[in-house]
Amino acid sequence: MTDRNMQIRAFLYGTRWQDWSAAALAGDASARRYLRLTGAEGKQAILMDADPATGETVTPFVQIAAWLLSQGLSAPRILHHAEVDGFLLLEDLGPETLAVATGKMAEDDLYDAAVDVLVALDSMTPPENLKKMTPQVGGEMVAVVAEAYCRCDPAPLVAITRETLTTLAPIADRVALRDYHAENLIWRPDRCGLDRVGLLDFQDAFIAPRGYDLASLLSDIRRAVPDRQVSRQTARFAAATGADPVVLSAQLAALGAQRNLRILGVFARLAERGKTSYARYLPAVWDTLRRDLAHPALADMREVVLTTLPAPEDRP
């Protein structure tokens, strides 16, 4: 038994979960790991292991979860915690992600529910002390694509991203959960309203321009969202929030392009560091980036990106 597993046993010792069986769950791009604990009567909970020795911390998750719950949204309740040691025991929101549910029921209903949560978030006053994704910050965030994906000068990509965001998405004033996509949303069909969508992986939340999470949802690199669904949900979000549809369309393209440039670099870096499964996503990220760049308002950004970066199959 590893030292970390012994620490987990100590964390659970004396609680009603100490004898529950544990099964590993799929992880994410971080060093965190997750276990589903199951009791004799079938009850379940999720153990988050964020080892401080790897640079992880659970504090942001705890803070954002508390804020989301206070706003009436479905973040997991924290059942037991040892923040200093990097352990959280969380309510299990359910076994089925939105991505899985799309194979079983009408896609419109699922995406309608996911966007309804974003409409609610759009009207909320963000929590204090979150970082802001200004155009300057958004530009700096894409430097990783030059460093890890193509080993080129990041300056042109950083500059054009900053300029594009300054023109199309200049104001950061909405809370963004940041990784809002179908595999991070739990579908809870037995619930009503906003409670049907369980929220995960929000510890990196920040303040961003309107529509950042909508761009994340609709520019999903793990599952291609049909153009019809993109148009439908963009129109629904605009109508519900009062956003100008033309302005919103360009803003979503800019935010999607910024996001996917960064993802292209992050996934290339993860693959280089041994998480080779991320390499298989690079073509999908590239295709999604190309779709965002096809928006007429992003003509200048498209020229810089496509003359600077090679397609995945053309990388050295």
C-alpha atoms as a PDB file:
ATOM      1  CA  MET A   1       0.000   0.000   0.000  1.00  0.00           C
ATOM      2  CA  THR A   2       1.384   3.410  -0.976  1.00  0.00           C
ATOM      3  CA  ASP A   3       1.808   6.212   1.528  1.00  0.00           C
ATOM      4  CA  ARG A   4      -0.993   8.126  -0.185  1.00  0.00           C
ATOM      5  CA  ASN A   5      -3.397   5.199   0.093  1.00  0.00           C
ATOM      6  CA  MET A   6      -2.526   4.910   3.762  1.00  0.00           C
ATOM      7  CA  GLN A   7      -3.381   8.595   4.132  1.00  0.00           C
ATOM      8  CA  ILE A   8      -6.734   7.950   2.466  1.00  0.00           C
ATOM      9  CA  ARG A   9      -7.464   5.173   4.953  1.00  0.00           C
ATOM     10  CA  ALA A  10      -6.566   7.517   7.796  1.00  0.00           C
ATOM     11  CA  PHE A  11      -8.825  10.218   6.311  1.00  0.00           C
ATOM     12  CA  LEU A  12     -11.781   7.825   6.238  1.00  0.00           C
ATOM     13  CA  TYR A  13     -11.034   6.075   9.545  1.00  0.00           C
ATOM     14  CA  GLY A  14     -13.817   6.441  12.070  1.00  0.00           C
ATOM     15  CA  THR A  15     -16.324   7.689   9.496  1.00  0.00           C
ATOM     16  CA  ARG A  16     -19.268   5.790   8.066  1.00  0.00           C
ATOM     17  CA  TRP A  17     -17.355   5.539   4.792  1.00  0.00           C
ATOM     18  CA  GLN A  18     -14.288   3.743   6.148  1.00  0.00           C
ATOM     19  CA  ASP A  19     -15.324   0.272   4.975  1.00  0.00           C
ATOM     20  CA  TRP A  20     -16.871   1.266   1.667  1.00  0.00           C
ATOM     21  CA  SER A  21     -15.330  -0.270  -1.450  1.00  0.00           C
ATOM     22  CA  ALA A  22     -13.389   2.015  -3.783  1.00  0.00           C
ATOM     23  CA  ALA A  23     -13.168   2.082  -7.582  1.00  0.00           C
ATOM     24  CA  ALA A  24     -11.001   4.459  -9.586  1.00  0.00           C
ATOM     25  CA  LEU A  25     -12.732   6.930 -11.892  1.00  0.00           C
ATOM     26  CA  ALA A  26     -11.351   8.524 -15.032  1.00  0.00           C
ATOM     27  CA  GLY A  27      -9.140  11.459 -14.158  1.00  0.00           C
ATOM     28  CA  ASP A  28      -8.668  14.813 -15.850  1.00  0.00           C
ATOM     29  CA  ALA A  29      -5.702  16.789 -17.120  1.00  0.00           C
ATOM     30  CA  SER A  30      -4.577  17.592 -13.585  1.00  0.00           C
ATOM     31  CA  ALA A  31      -2.697  15.475 -11.044  1.00  0.00           C
ATOM     32  CA  ARG A  32      -5.910  14.904  -9.098  1.00  0.00           C
ATOM     33  CA  ARG A  33      -7.462  11.452  -8.919  1.00  0.00           C
ATOM     34  CA  TYR A  34     -10.981  10.364  -8.080  1.00  0.00           C
ATOM     35  CA  LEU A  35     -12.455   7.261  -6.426  1.00  0.00           C
ATOM     36  CA  ARG A  36     -16.098   6.237  -6.224  1.00  0.00           C
ATOM     37  CA  LEU A  37     -16.851   4.758  -2.802  1.00  0.00           C
ATOM     38  CA  THR A  38     -19.778   2.346  -2.514  1.00  0.00           C
ATOM     39  CA  GLY A  39     -21.421   1.157   0.690  1.00  0.00           C
ATOM     40  CA  ALA A  40     -23.153  -2.137   1.426  1.00  0.00           C
ATOM     41  CA  GLU A  41     -26.565  -0.637   0.634  1.00  0.00           C
ATOM     42  CA  GLY A  42     -25.402   0.799  -2.679  1.00  0.00           C
ATOM     43  CA  LYS A  43     -24.965   4.367  -1.482  1.00  0.00           C
ATOM     44  CA  GLN A  44     -22.058   6.173  -3.108  1.00  0.00           C
ATOM     45  CA  ALA A  45     -19.704   9.104  -2.629  1.00  0.00           C
ATOM     46  CA  ILE A  46     -16.751  10.526  -4.553  1.00  0.00           C
ATOM     47  CA  LEU A  47     -13.296  10.886  -3.027  1.00  0.00           C
ATOM     48  CA  MET A  48     -11.127  13.626  -4.528  1.00  0.00           C
ATOM     49  CA  ASP A  49      -7.415  13.119  -3.933  1.00  0.00           C
ATOM     50  CA  ALA A  50      -5.456  16.303  -4.692  1.00  0.00           C
ATOM     51  CA  ASP A  51      -2.023  15.556  -3.290  1.00  0.00           C
ATOM     52  CA  PRO A  52      -0.334  18.804  -2.151  1.00  0.00           C
ATOM     53  CA  ALA A  53       3.007  17.208  -3.047  1.00  0.00           C
ATOM     54  CA  THR A  54       2.014  17.507  -6.726  1.00  0.00           C
ATOM     55  CA  GLY A  55       1.094  21.174  -6.366  1.00  0.00           C
ATOM     56  CA  GLU A  56      -2.643  20.508  -6.082  1.00  0.00           C
ATOM     57  CA  THR A  57      -5.026  22.165  -3.627  1.00  0.00           C
ATOM     58  CA  VAL A  58      -8.709  21.584  -2.907  1.00  0.00           C
ATOM     59  CA  THR A  59      -9.379  25.054  -1.493  1.00  0.00           C
ATOM     60  CA  PRO A  60     -10.653  26.667  -4.735  1.00  0.00           C
ATOM     61  CA  PHE A  61     -13.030  23.740  -5.275  1.00  0.00           C
ATOM     62  CA  VAL A  62     -14.411  24.125  -1.753  1.00  0.00           C
ATOM     63  CA  GLN A  63     -14.929  27.859  -2.205  1.00  0.00           C
ATOM     64  CA  ILE A  64     -16.588  27.679  -5.624  1.00  0.00           C
ATOM     65  CA  ALA A  65     -18.765  24.720  -4.590  1.00  0.00           C
ATOM     66  CA  ALA A  66     -20.062  26.711  -1.620  1.00  0.00           C
ATOM     67  CA  TRP A  67     -20.830  29.687  -3.859  1.00  0.00           C
ATOM     68  CA  LEU A  68     -22.628  27.571  -6.481  1.00  0.00           C
ATOM     69  CA  LEU A  69     -24.742  25.871  -3.825  1.00  0.00           C
ATOM     70  CA  SER A  70     -25.618  29.256  -2.330  1.00  0.00           C
ATOM     71  CA  GLN A  71     -26.888  30.294  -5.776  1.00  0.00           C
ATOM     72  CA  GLY A  72     -29.175  27.263  -6.033  1.00  0.00           C
ATOM     73  CA  LEU A  73     -27.036  25.333  -8.516  1.00  0.00           C
ATOM     74  CA  SER A  74     -26.075  21.666  -8.300  1.00  0.00           C
ATOM     75  CA  ALA A  75     -22.487  21.440  -7.145  1.00  0.00           C
ATOM     76  CA  PRO A  76     -21.603  18.411  -5.005  1.00  0.00           C
ATOM     77  CA  ARG A  77     -21.986  18.861  -1.262  1.00  0.00           C
ATOM     78  CA  ILE A  78     -18.817  18.247   0.740  1.00  0.00           C
ATOM     79  CA  LEU A  79     -19.413  15.353   3.134  1.00  0.00           C
ATOM     80  CA  HIS A  80     -15.982  15.146   4.787  1.00  0.00           C
ATOM     81  CA  HIS A  81     -12.783  17.074   4.214  1.00  0.00           C
ATOM     82  CA  ALA A  82      -9.127  17.471   5.113  1.00  0.00           C
ATOM     83  CA  GLU A  83      -8.058  20.438   3.027  1.00  0.00           C
ATOM     84  CA  VAL A  84      -4.474  20.526   4.282  1.00  0.00           C
ATOM     85  CA  ASP A  85      -3.982  16.913   3.161  1.00  0.00           C
ATOM     86  CA  GLY A  86      -5.803  17.420  -0.145  1.00  0.00           C
ATOM     87  CA  PHE A  87      -8.793  15.151   0.499  1.00  0.00           C
ATOM     88  CA  LEU A  88     -12.473  15.836  -0.126  1.00  0.00           C
ATOM     89  CA  LEU A  89     -15.353  13.397   0.128  1.00  0.00           C
ATOM     90  CA  LEU A  90     -18.101  14.631  -2.151  1.00  0.00           C
ATOM     91  CA  GLU A  91     -21.736  13.911  -2.814  1.00  0.00           C
ATOM     92  CA  ASP A  92     -22.032  11.662  -5.868  1.00  0.00           C
ATOM     93  CA  LEU A  93     -24.233  13.637  -8.253  1.00  0.00           C
ATOM     94  CA  GLY A  94     -24.851  10.599 -10.432  1.00  0.00           C
ATOM     95  CA  PRO A  95     -23.206   8.190 -12.862  1.00  0.00           C
ATOM     96  CA  GLU A  96     -24.250   9.654 -16.208  1.00  0.00           C
ATOM     97  CA  THR A  97     -22.647  12.622 -17.913  1.00  0.00           C
ATOM     98  CA  LEU A  98     -24.436  14.785 -20.429  1.00  0.00           C
ATOM     99  CA  ALA A  99     -22.191  13.236 -23.098  1.00  0.00           C
ATOM    100  CA  VAL A 100     -23.475   9.742 -22.250  1.00  0.00           C
ATOM    101  CA  ALA A 101     -27.078  10.908 -21.995  1.00  0.00           C
ATOM    102  CA  THR A 102     -27.003  12.321 -25.536  1.00  0.00           C
ATOM    103  CA  GLY A 103     -27.066   8.746 -26.798  1.00  0.00           C
ATOM    104  CA  LYS A 104     -30.276   8.020 -24.914  1.00  0.00           C
ATOM    105  CA  MET A 105     -32.532  11.058 -25.202  1.00  0.00           C
ATOM    106  CA  ALA A 106     -33.216  14.173 -27.238  1.00  0.00           C
ATOM    107  CA  GLU A 107     -30.091  16.288 -27.599  1.00  0.00           C
ATOM    108  CA  ASP A 108     -32.142  19.496 -27.627  1.00  0.00           C
ATOM    109  CA  ASP A 109     -33.483  18.816 -24.140  1.00  0.00           C
ATOM    110  CA  LEU A 110     -30.019  18.144 -22.730  1.00  0.00           C
ATOM    111  CA  TYR A 111     -28.375  21.201 -24.237  1.00  0.00           C
ATOM    112  CA  ASP A 112     -31.380  23.352 -23.347  1.00  0.00           C
ATOM    113  CA  ALA A 113     -30.888  22.360 -19.703  1.00  0.00           C
ATOM    114  CA  ALA A 114     -27.135  23.014 -19.826  1.00  0.00           C
ATOM    115  CA  VAL A 115     -27.643  26.448 -21.367  1.00  0.00           C
ATOM    116  CA  ASP A 116     -30.378  27.290 -18.853  1.00  0.00           C
ATOM    117  CA  VAL A 117     -27.701  26.965 -16.155  1.00  0.00           C
ATOM    118  CA  LEU A 118     -25.477  29.368 -18.094  1.00  0.00           C
ATOM    119  CA  VAL A 119     -28.320  31.854 -18.427  1.00  0.00           C
ATOM    120  CA  ALA A 120     -28.747  31.739 -14.650  1.00  0.00           C
ATOM    121  CA  LEU A 121     -25.003  32.192 -14.097  1.00  0.00           C
ATOM    122  CA  ASP A 122     -24.968  35.145 -16.483  1.00  0.00           C
ATOM    123  CA  SER A 123     -27.191  37.165 -14.146  1.00  0.00           C
ATOM    124  CA  MET A 124     -25.293  36.362 -10.931  1.00  0.00           C
ATOM    125  CA  THR A 125     -22.835  38.660  -9.204  1.00  0.00           C
ATOM    126  CA  PRO A 126     -19.506  36.789  -9.332  1.00  0.00           C
ATOM    127  CA  PRO A 127     -17.836  35.717  -6.099  1.00  0.00           C
ATOM    128  CA  GLU A 128     -15.005  37.884  -4.860  1.00  0.00           C
ATOM    129  CA  ASN A 129     -11.293  37.268  -5.380  1.00  0.00           C
ATOM    130  CA  LEU A 130     -11.508  35.368  -8.662  1.00  0.00           C
ATOM    131  CA  LYS A 131      -8.933  36.130 -11.338  1.00  0.00           C
ATOM    132  CA  LYS A 132     -10.060  38.020 -14.450  1.00  0.00           C
ATOM    133  CA  MET A 133      -9.522  36.949 -18.035  1.00  0.00           C
ATOM    134  CA  THR A 134      -8.914  40.366 -19.541  1.00  0.00           C
ATOM    135  CA  PRO A 135      -7.800  40.579 -23.189  1.00  0.00           C
ATOM    136  CA  GLN A 136      -4.216  40.834 -21.932  1.00  0.00           C
ATOM    137  CA  VAL A 137      -4.563  37.703 -19.801  1.00  0.00           C
ATOM    138  CA  GLY A 138      -6.415  35.870 -22.564  1.00  0.00           C
ATOM    139  CA  GLY A 139      -3.552  36.584 -24.932  1.00  0.00           C
ATOM    140  CA  GLU A 140      -0.936  35.416 -22.467  1.00  0.00           C
ATOM    141  CA  MET A 141      -2.864  32.185 -21.931  1.00  0.00           C
ATOM    142  CA  VAL A 142      -2.290  31.040 -25.524  1.00  0.00           C
ATOM    143  CA  ALA A 143       1.516  31.284 -25.352  1.00  0.00           C
ATOM    144  CA  VAL A 144       1.591  27.598 -24.430  1.00  0.00           C
ATOM    145  CA  VAL A 145       0.554  26.639 -27.967  1.00  0.00           C
ATOM    146  CA  ALA A 146       3.756  28.152 -29.345  1.00  0.00           C
ATOM    147  CA  GLU A 147       5.864  26.642 -26.589  1.00  0.00           C
ATOM    148  CA  ALA A 148       4.504  23.086 -26.635  1.00  0.00           C
ATOM    149  CA  TYR A 149       2.726  22.539 -29.961  1.00  0.00           C
ATOM    150  CA  CYS A 150       5.028  24.077 -32.560  1.00  0.00           C
ATOM    151  CA  ARG A 151       8.129  25.515 -30.826  1.00  0.00           C
ATOM    152  CA  CYS A 152       7.673  28.923 -32.427  1.00  0.00           C
ATOM    153  CA  ASP A 153       7.690  32.555 -31.322  1.00  0.00           C
ATOM    154  CA  PRO A 154       4.558  33.106 -29.194  1.00  0.00           C
ATOM    155  CA  ALA A 155       4.481  36.880 -29.726  1.00  0.00           C
ATOM    156  CA  PRO A 156       2.307  36.971 -32.899  1.00  0.00           C
ATOM    157  CA  LEU A 157      -0.267  34.567 -31.433  1.00  0.00           C
ATOM    158  CA  VAL A 158      -0.373  36.370 -28.094  1.00  0.00           C
ATOM    159  CA  ALA A 159      -0.749  39.741 -29.816  1.00  0.00           C
ATOM    160  CA  ILE A 160      -3.506  38.734 -32.247  1.00  0.00           C
ATOM    161  CA  THR A 161      -5.452  36.976 -29.497  1.00  0.00           C
ATOM    162  CA  ARG A 162      -5.211  40.051 -27.286  1.00  0.00           C
ATOM    163  CA  GLU A 163      -6.283  42.320 -30.147  1.00  0.00           C
ATOM    164  CA  THR A 164      -9.196  40.064 -31.101  1.00  0.00           C
ATOM    165  CA  LEU A 165     -10.480  39.889 -27.539  1.00  0.00           C
ATOM    166  CA  THR A 166     -10.057  43.653 -27.140  1.00  0.00           C
ATOM    167  CA  THR A 167     -12.291  44.151 -30.167  1.00  0.00           C
ATOM    168  CA  LEU A 168     -14.857  41.385 -29.692  1.00  0.00           C
ATOM    169  CA  ALA A 169     -14.823  40.377 -25.994  1.00  0.00           C
ATOM    170  CA  PRO A 170     -13.257  43.237 -24.030  1.00  0.00           C
ATOM    171  CA  ILE A 171     -15.183  43.148 -20.756  1.00  0.00           C
ATOM    172  CA  ALA A 172     -14.627  40.412 -18.165  1.00  0.00           C
ATOM    173  CA  ASP A 173     -17.592  40.642 -15.797  1.00  0.00           C
ATOM    174  CA  ARG A 174     -19.244  37.186 -15.706  1.00  0.00           C
ATOM    175  CA  VAL A 175     -18.304  34.155 -13.671  1.00  0.00           C
ATOM    176  CA  ALA A 176     -17.077  31.305 -15.885  1.00  0.00           C
ATOM    177  CA  LEU A 177     -16.672  27.764 -14.574  1.00  0.00           C
ATOM    178  CA  ARG A 178     -14.100  27.381 -17.353  1.00  0.00           C
ATOM    179  CA  ASP A 179     -14.394  23.670 -18.252  1.00  0.00           C
ATOM    180  CA  TYR A 180     -18.113  23.602 -18.945  1.00  0.00           C
ATOM    181  CA  HIS A 181     -18.677  20.797 -21.443  1.00  0.00           C
ATOM    182  CA  ALA A 182     -20.716  17.628 -21.829  1.00  0.00           C
ATOM    183  CA  GLU A 183     -18.274  15.342 -19.993  1.00  0.00           C
ATOM    184  CA  ASN A 184     -18.151  17.640 -16.958  1.00  0.00           C
ATOM    185  CA  LEU A 185     -21.924  17.894 -16.568  1.00  0.00           C
ATOM    186  CA  ILE A 186     -23.942  15.213 -14.780  1.00  0.00           C
ATOM    187  CA  TRP A 187     -27.432  14.538 -16.115  1.00  0.00           C
ATOM    188  CA  ARG A 188     -29.991  14.002 -13.323  1.00  0.00           C
ATOM    189  CA  PRO A 189     -33.313  13.203 -15.033  1.00  0.00           C
ATOM    190  CA  ASP A 190     -35.103  12.619 -11.731  1.00  0.00           C
ATOM    191  CA  ARG A 191     -34.611  16.287 -10.752  1.00  0.00           C
ATOM    192  CA  CYS A 192     -36.343  19.450 -11.918  1.00  0.00           C
ATOM    193  CA  GLY A 193     -35.175  22.713 -13.445  1.00  0.00           C
ATOM    194  CA  LEU A 194     -31.568  23.744 -12.958  1.00  0.00           C
ATOM    195  CA  ASP A 195     -31.080  20.885 -10.499  1.00  0.00           C
ATOM    196  CA  ARG A 196     -31.048  18.458 -13.430  1.00  0.00           C
ATOM    197  CA  VAL A 197     -27.508  19.544 -14.350  1.00  0.00           C
ATOM    198  CA  GLY A 198     -24.790  18.568 -11.884  1.00  0.00           C
ATOM    199  CA  LEU A 199     -21.622  20.656 -12.025  1.00  0.00           C
ATOM    200  CA  LEU A 200     -18.046  19.339 -11.809  1.00  0.00           C
ATOM    201  CA  ASP A 201     -14.483  20.526 -12.432  1.00  0.00           C
ATOM    202  CA  PHE A 202     -15.094  24.172 -11.579  1.00  0.00           C
ATOM    203  CA  GLN A 203     -12.096  24.796  -9.318  1.00  0.00           C
ATOM    204  CA  ASP A 204     -10.403  26.965 -11.971  1.00  0.00           C
ATOM    205  CA  ALA A 205     -13.387  29.329 -12.265  1.00  0.00           C
ATOM    206  CA  PHE A 206     -12.576  32.929 -13.133  1.00  0.00           C
ATOM    207  CA  ILE A 207     -14.209  36.142 -14.314  1.00  0.00           C
ATOM    208  CA  ALA A 208     -14.484  36.220 -18.095  1.00  0.00           C
ATOM    209  CA  PRO A 209     -16.423  37.925 -20.886  1.00  0.00           C
ATOM    210  CA  ARG A 210     -20.052  36.953 -21.340  1.00  0.00           C
ATOM    211  CA  GLY A 211     -20.388  33.623 -23.098  1.00  0.00           C
ATOM    212  CA  TYR A 212     -17.073  32.008 -22.147  1.00  0.00           C
ATOM    213  CA  ASP A 213     -18.760  28.872 -20.790  1.00  0.00           C
ATOM    214  CA  LEU A 214     -21.192  28.809 -23.712  1.00  0.00           C
ATOM    215  CA  ALA A 215     -18.197  28.784 -26.054  1.00  0.00           C
ATOM    216  CA  SER A 216     -16.728  25.962 -23.966  1.00  0.00           C
ATOM    217  CA  LEU A 217     -19.945  23.953 -24.270  1.00  0.00           C
ATOM    218  CA  LEU A 218     -20.453  24.523 -27.988  1.00  0.00           C
ATOM    219  CA  SER A 219     -16.771  24.298 -29.044  1.00  0.00           C
ATOM    220  CA  ASP A 220     -16.446  20.918 -27.352  1.00  0.00           C
ATOM    221  CA  ILE A 221     -13.419  19.035 -28.629  1.00  0.00           C
ATOM    222  CA  ARG A 222     -14.499  15.665 -27.177  1.00  0.00           C
ATOM    223  CA  ARG A 223     -17.785  15.556 -29.064  1.00  0.00           C
ATOM    224  CA  ALA A 224     -18.651  17.601 -32.114  1.00  0.00           C
ATOM    225  CA  VAL A 225     -21.711  19.720 -31.381  1.00  0.00           C
ATOM    226  CA  PRO A 226     -23.835  19.916 -34.559  1.00  0.00           C
ATOM    227  CA  ASP A 227     -24.060  23.323 -36.242  1.00  0.00           C
ATOM    228  CA  ARG A 228     -27.817  23.263 -35.743  1.00  0.00           C
ATOM    229  CA  GLN A 229     -27.350  22.874 -32.002  1.00  0.00           C
ATOM    230  CA  VAL A 230     -24.760  25.659 -31.911  1.00  0.00           C
ATOM    231  CA  SER A 231     -27.188  28.001 -33.668  1.00  0.00           C
ATOM    232  CA  ARG A 232     -30.096  26.940 -31.476  1.00  0.00           C
ATOM    233  CA  GLN A 233     -28.290  27.430 -28.182  1.00  0.00           C
ATOM    234  CA  THR A 234     -26.655  30.695 -29.231  1.00  0.00           C
ATOM    235  CA  ALA A 235     -30.100  32.049 -30.112  1.00  0.00           C
ATOM    236  CA  ARG A 236     -31.612  30.803 -26.845  1.00  0.00           C
ATOM    237  CA  PHE A 237     -28.822  32.338 -24.768  1.00  0.00           C
ATOM    238  CA  ALA A 238     -29.080  35.662 -26.606  1.00  0.00           C
ATOM    239  CA  ALA A 239     -32.850  35.813 -26.167  1.00  0.00           C
ATOM    240  CA  ALA A 240     -32.701  34.916 -22.472  1.00  0.00           C
ATOM    241  CA  THR A 241     -29.871  37.311 -21.567  1.00  0.00           C
ATOM    242  CA  GLY A 242     -30.708  40.204 -23.878  1.00  0.00           C
ATOM    243  CA  ALA A 243     -27.397  39.894 -25.722  1.00  0.00           C
ATOM    244  CA  ASP A 244     -27.220  41.160 -29.303  1.00  0.00           C
ATOM    245  CA  PRO A 245     -27.145  37.958 -31.420  1.00  0.00           C
ATOM    246  CA  VAL A 246     -24.638  39.358 -33.930  1.00  0.00           C
ATOM    247  CA  VAL A 247     -22.296  40.606 -31.205  1.00  0.00           C
ATOM    248  CA  LEU A 248     -22.665  37.344 -29.276  1.00  0.00           C
ATOM    249  CA  SER A 249     -21.852  35.228 -32.329  1.00  0.00           C
ATOM    250  CA  ALA A 250     -18.550  37.048 -32.872  1.00  0.00           C
ATOM    251  CA  GLN A 251     -17.769  37.005 -29.158  1.00  0.00           C
ATOM    252  CA  LEU A 252     -18.305  33.247 -28.944  1.00  0.00           C
ATOM    253  CA  ALA A 253     -16.025  32.689 -31.936  1.00  0.00           C
ATOM    254  CA  ALA A 254     -13.292  34.813 -30.341  1.00  0.00           C
ATOM    255  CA  LEU A 255     -13.590  33.091 -26.974  1.00  0.00           C
ATOM    256  CA  GLY A 256     -13.727  29.668 -28.598  1.00  0.00           C
ATOM    257  CA  ALA A 257     -10.611  30.391 -30.644  1.00  0.00           C
ATOM    258  CA  GLN A 258      -8.717  31.650 -27.586  1.00  0.00           C
ATOM    259  CA  ARG A 259      -9.787  28.626 -25.603  1.00  0.00           C
ATOM    260  CA  ASN A 260      -8.893  26.094 -28.284  1.00  0.00           C
ATOM    261  CA  LEU A 261      -5.515  27.664 -28.983  1.00  0.00           C
ATOM    262  CA  ARG A 262      -4.697  27.171 -25.331  1.00  0.00           C
ATOM    263  CA  ILE A 263      -6.084  23.613 -25.298  1.00  0.00           C
ATOM    264  CA  LEU A 264      -3.984  22.746 -28.348  1.00  0.00           C
ATOM    265  CA  GLY A 265      -0.882  23.742 -26.408  1.00  0.00           C
ATOM    266  CA  VAL A 266      -1.907  22.188 -23.107  1.00  0.00           C
ATOM    267  CA  PHE A 267      -2.761  18.845 -24.713  1.00  0.00           C
ATOM    268  CA  ALA A 268       0.502  18.833 -26.679  1.00  0.00           C
ATOM    269  CA  ARG A 269       2.394  19.463 -23.445  1.00  0.00           C
ATOM    270  CA  LEU A 270       0.514  16.711 -21.605  1.00  0.00           C
ATOM    271  CA  ALA A 271       1.276  14.247 -24.406  1.00  0.00           C
ATOM    272  CA  GLU A 272       4.930  15.253 -24.300  1.00  0.00           C
ATOM    273  CA  ARG A 273       5.004  14.615 -20.546  1.00  0.00           C
ATOM    274  CA  GLY A 274       3.700  11.086 -20.834  1.00  0.00           C
ATOM    275  CA  LYS A 275      -0.092  11.486 -20.949  1.00  0.00           C
ATOM    276  CA  THR A 276      -0.073  10.292 -24.528  1.00  0.00           C
ATOM    277  CA  SER A 277      -3.853   9.790 -24.693  1.00  0.00           C
ATOM    278  CA  TYR A 278      -4.209  13.553 -25.099  1.00  0.00           C
ATOM    279  CA  ALA A 279      -2.413  13.425 -28.458  1.00  0.00           C
ATOM    280  CA  ARG A 280      -5.440  11.789 -30.043  1.00  0.00           C
ATOM    281  CA  TYR A 281      -7.521  14.899 -29.336  1.00  0.00           C
ATOM    282  CA  LEU A 282      -5.229  17.269 -31.243  1.00  0.00           C
ATOM    283  CA  PRO A 283      -6.980  16.813 -34.633  1.00  0.00           C
ATOM    284  CA  ALA A 284     -10.369  17.518 -33.024  1.00  0.00           C
ATOM    285  CA  VAL A 285      -9.021  20.608 -31.270  1.00  0.00           C
ATOM    286  CA  TRP A 286      -7.558  21.804 -34.562  1.00  0.00           C
ATOM    287  CA  ASP A 287     -10.830  21.249 -36.439  1.00  0.00           C
ATOM    288  CA  THR A 288     -12.812  23.068 -33.749  1.00  0.00           C
ATOM    289  CA  LEU A 289     -10.314  25.927 -33.778  1.00  0.00           C
ATOM    290  CA  ARG A 290     -10.678  26.171 -37.566  1.00  0.00           C
ATOM    291  CA  ARG A 291     -14.452  26.373 -37.158  1.00  0.00           C
ATOM    292  CA  ASP A 292     -14.126  29.248 -34.691  1.00  0.00           C
ATOM    293  CA  LEU A 293     -11.639  31.043 -36.937  1.00  0.00           C
ATOM    294  CA  ALA A 294     -14.018  30.774 -39.904  1.00  0.00           C
ATOM    295  CA  HIS A 295     -16.198  33.513 -38.406  1.00  0.00           C
ATOM    296  CA  PRO A 296     -15.872  36.655 -40.582  1.00  0.00           C
ATOM    297  CA  ALA A 297     -15.023  38.797 -37.554  1.00  0.00           C
ATOM    298  CA  LEU A 298     -11.898  36.690 -36.946  1.00  0.00           C
ATOM    299  CA  ALA A 299     -10.314  37.151 -40.383  1.00  0.00           C
ATOM    300  CA  ASP A 300      -7.127  38.745 -39.017  1.00  0.00           C
ATOM    301  CA  MET A 301      -6.749  36.131 -36.299  1.00  0.00           C
ATOM    302  CA  ARG A 302      -7.367  33.350 -38.800  1.00  0.00           C
ATOM    303  CA  GLU A 303      -4.537  34.580 -41.032  1.00  0.00           C
ATOM    304  CA  VAL A 304      -2.029  34.781 -38.177  1.00  0.00           C
ATOM    305  CA  VAL A 305      -2.957  31.416 -36.669  1.00  0.00           C
ATOM    306  CA  LEU A 306      -3.004  29.479 -39.921  1.00  0.00           C
ATOM    307  CA  THR A 307       0.303  30.934 -41.109  1.00  0.00           C
ATOM    308  CA  THR A 308       1.962  30.311 -37.734  1.00  0.00           C
ATOM    309  CA  LEU A 309       0.695  26.897 -36.666  1.00  0.00           C
ATOM    310  CA  PRO A 310       0.864  23.643 -38.630  1.00  0.00           C
ATOM    311  CA  ALA A 311      -2.005  21.176 -38.670  1.00  0.00           C
ATOM    312  CA  PRO A 312      -1.441  18.226 -36.295  1.00  0.00           C
ATOM    313  CA  GLU A 313      -0.491  15.919 -39.144  1.00  0.00           C
ATOM    314  CA  ASP A 314       2.153  18.405 -40.331  1.00  0.00           C
ATOM    315  CA  ARG A 315       3.910  18.913 -36.997  1.00  0.00           C
ATOM    316  CA  PRO A 316       7.587  17.959 -37.018  1.00  0.00           C
END
